[in-house]
């Protein structure tokens, strides 16, 4: 399974950008989105930028990833509403 990770451009290049992610800095392939200015948020998959996203989207995605990490680590008390505030019961 491939999970998208938000990344913020900290050094722009034509084909590769240096980005900050929840896992530290990494080089991101920019061939699908084109060069983006410093500060831009991207959704990355396997080291490639696939989509330009807003800072709010990046925050929500990172929050959901934190929730998934908590679940996978076996935390007993998971506040679903905190980690996934945009998911409403049917």
C-alpha atoms as a PDB file:
ATOM      1  CA  UNK A   1       0.000   0.000   0.000  1.00  0.00           C
ATOM      2  CA  UNK A   2       1.233   3.458  -0.887  1.00  0.00           C
ATOM      3  CA  UNK A   3       0.486   6.307   1.527  1.00  0.00           C
ATOM      4  CA  UNK A   4       0.734   9.956   0.531  1.00  0.00           C
ATOM      5  CA  UNK A   5       2.980  12.080   2.723  1.00  0.00           C
ATOM      6  CA  UNK A   6       2.746  15.894   2.844  1.00  0.00           C
ATOM      7  CA  UNK A   7       6.005  17.690   2.081  1.00  0.00           C
ATOM      8  CA  UNK A   8       6.884  21.377   2.069  1.00  0.00           C
ATOM      9  CA  UNK A   9       9.365  22.702  -0.479  1.00  0.00           C
ATOM     10  CA  UNK A  10      12.414  24.238   1.220  1.00  0.00           C
ATOM     11  CA  UNK A  11      14.657  24.415  -1.861  1.00  0.00           C
ATOM     12  CA  UNK A  12      13.161  24.505  -5.339  1.00  0.00           C
ATOM     13  CA  UNK A  13      14.658  22.996  -8.459  1.00  0.00           C
ATOM     14  CA  UNK A  14      13.432  22.316 -11.979  1.00  0.00           C
ATOM     15  CA  UNK A  15      13.151  18.556 -11.609  1.00  0.00           C
ATOM     16  CA  UNK A  16      13.930  17.880  -7.945  1.00  0.00           C
ATOM     17  CA  UNK A  17      13.134  19.828  -4.786  1.00  0.00           C
ATOM     18  CA  UNK A  18      14.443  19.487  -1.273  1.00  0.00           C
ATOM     19  CA  UNK A  19      11.427  19.122   0.999  1.00  0.00           C
ATOM     20  CA  UNK A  20      10.633  18.811   4.680  1.00  0.00           C
ATOM     21  CA  UNK A  21       8.327  15.929   5.601  1.00  0.00           C
ATOM     22  CA  UNK A  22       7.170  14.369   8.851  1.00  0.00           C
ATOM     23  CA  UNK A  23      10.145  12.004   8.453  1.00  0.00           C
ATOM     24  CA  UNK A  24      12.785  14.705   7.891  1.00  0.00           C
ATOM     25  CA  UNK A  25      14.217  16.183   4.716  1.00  0.00           C
ATOM     26  CA  UNK A  26      14.157  14.383   1.397  1.00  0.00           C
ATOM     27  CA  UNK A  27      14.674  14.946  -2.289  1.00  0.00           C
ATOM     28  CA  UNK A  28      11.353  14.900  -4.169  1.00  0.00           C
ATOM     29  CA  UNK A  29      10.924  14.304  -7.889  1.00  0.00           C
ATOM     30  CA  UNK A  30       8.915  17.214  -9.351  1.00  0.00           C
ATOM     31  CA  UNK A  31       8.280  15.848 -12.847  1.00  0.00           C
ATOM     32  CA  UNK A  32       4.493  15.470 -12.354  1.00  0.00           C
ATOM     33  CA  UNK A  33       3.826  18.865 -10.745  1.00  0.00           C
ATOM     34  CA  UNK A  34       6.557  20.973 -12.276  1.00  0.00           C
ATOM     35  CA  UNK A  35       8.800  23.241 -10.270  1.00  0.00           C
ATOM     36  CA  UNK A  36       7.095  24.826  -7.258  1.00  0.00           C
ATOM     37  CA  UNK A  37       8.195  27.802  -5.154  1.00  0.00           C
ATOM     38  CA  UNK A  38       9.652  27.485  -1.664  1.00  0.00           C
ATOM     39  CA  UNK A  39       6.883  27.085   0.911  1.00  0.00           C
ATOM     40  CA  UNK A  40       4.560  25.111  -1.371  1.00  0.00           C
ATOM     41  CA  UNK A  41       2.925  22.020   0.127  1.00  0.00           C
ATOM     42  CA  UNK A  42       2.902  18.819  -1.908  1.00  0.00           C
ATOM     43  CA  UNK A  43       1.392  15.380  -1.531  1.00  0.00           C
ATOM     44  CA  UNK A  44       4.187  12.897  -2.235  1.00  0.00           C
ATOM     45  CA  UNK A  45       4.156   9.182  -2.971  1.00  0.00           C
ATOM     46  CA  UNK A  46       7.369   7.150  -3.006  1.00  0.00           C
ATOM     47  CA  UNK A  47       9.542  10.260  -3.410  1.00  0.00           C
ATOM     48  CA  UNK A  48       7.512  11.912  -6.188  1.00  0.00           C
ATOM     49  CA  UNK A  49       5.251  14.957  -5.878  1.00  0.00           C
ATOM     50  CA  UNK A  50       1.824  14.039  -7.219  1.00  0.00           C
ATOM     51  CA  UNK A  51      -0.281  17.036  -6.221  1.00  0.00           C
ATOM     52  CA  UNK A  52       0.011  20.581  -4.878  1.00  0.00           C
ATOM     53  CA  UNK A  53      -2.055  20.850  -1.669  1.00  0.00           C
ATOM     54  CA  UNK A  54      -2.938  23.562   0.828  1.00  0.00           C
ATOM     55  CA  UNK A  55      -1.310  23.938   4.224  1.00  0.00           C
ATOM     56  CA  UNK A  56      -4.656  22.981   5.794  1.00  0.00           C
ATOM     57  CA  UNK A  57      -4.761  19.768   3.715  1.00  0.00           C
ATOM     58  CA  UNK A  58      -1.198  18.969   4.805  1.00  0.00           C
ATOM     59  CA  UNK A  59      -2.159  19.494   8.455  1.00  0.00           C
ATOM     60  CA  UNK A  60      -5.228  17.232   8.166  1.00  0.00           C
ATOM     61  CA  UNK A  61      -3.298  14.492   6.356  1.00  0.00           C
ATOM     62  CA  UNK A  62      -0.501  14.576   8.947  1.00  0.00           C
ATOM     63  CA  UNK A  63      -3.092  14.425  11.730  1.00  0.00           C
ATOM     64  CA  UNK A  64      -4.691  11.352  10.122  1.00  0.00           C
ATOM     65  CA  UNK A  65      -1.253   9.750   9.721  1.00  0.00           C
ATOM     66  CA  UNK A  66      -0.631  10.400  13.437  1.00  0.00           C
ATOM     67  CA  UNK A  67      -3.904   8.612  14.162  1.00  0.00           C
ATOM     68  CA  UNK A  68      -2.922   5.635  12.025  1.00  0.00           C
ATOM     69  CA  UNK A  69       0.443   5.464  13.802  1.00  0.00           C
ATOM     70  CA  UNK A  70      -1.314   5.480  17.180  1.00  0.00           C
ATOM     71  CA  UNK A  71      -3.624   2.670  16.094  1.00  0.00           C
ATOM     72  CA  UNK A  72      -0.753   0.615  14.656  1.00  0.00           C
ATOM     73  CA  UNK A  73       1.326   1.046  17.819  1.00  0.00           C
ATOM     74  CA  UNK A  74      -1.519  -0.389  19.878  1.00  0.00           C
ATOM     75  CA  UNK A  75      -2.567   2.683  21.839  1.00  0.00           C
ATOM     76  CA  UNK A  76      -5.701   1.749  23.734  1.00  0.00           C
ATOM     77  CA  UNK A  77      -7.417   5.131  23.968  1.00  0.00           C
ATOM     78  CA  UNK A  78      -7.663   6.589  20.468  1.00  0.00           C
ATOM     79  CA  UNK A  79      -9.549   9.881  20.163  1.00  0.00           C
ATOM     80  CA  UNK A  80     -10.898   9.337  16.668  1.00  0.00           C
ATOM     81  CA  UNK A  81     -12.497  12.792  16.588  1.00  0.00           C
ATOM     82  CA  UNK A  82      -9.101  14.371  17.276  1.00  0.00           C
ATOM     83  CA  UNK A  83      -7.203  12.488  14.576  1.00  0.00           C
ATOM     84  CA  UNK A  84      -9.984  12.400  11.984  1.00  0.00           C
ATOM     85  CA  UNK A  85     -12.145  15.513  12.608  1.00  0.00           C
ATOM     86  CA  UNK A  86     -13.458  15.631   9.034  1.00  0.00           C
ATOM     87  CA  UNK A  87     -15.017  12.144   9.238  1.00  0.00           C
ATOM     88  CA  UNK A  88     -18.590  12.335  10.447  1.00  0.00           C
ATOM     89  CA  UNK A  89     -20.769   9.337  11.318  1.00  0.00           C
ATOM     90  CA  UNK A  90     -23.506   8.546   8.811  1.00  0.00           C
END
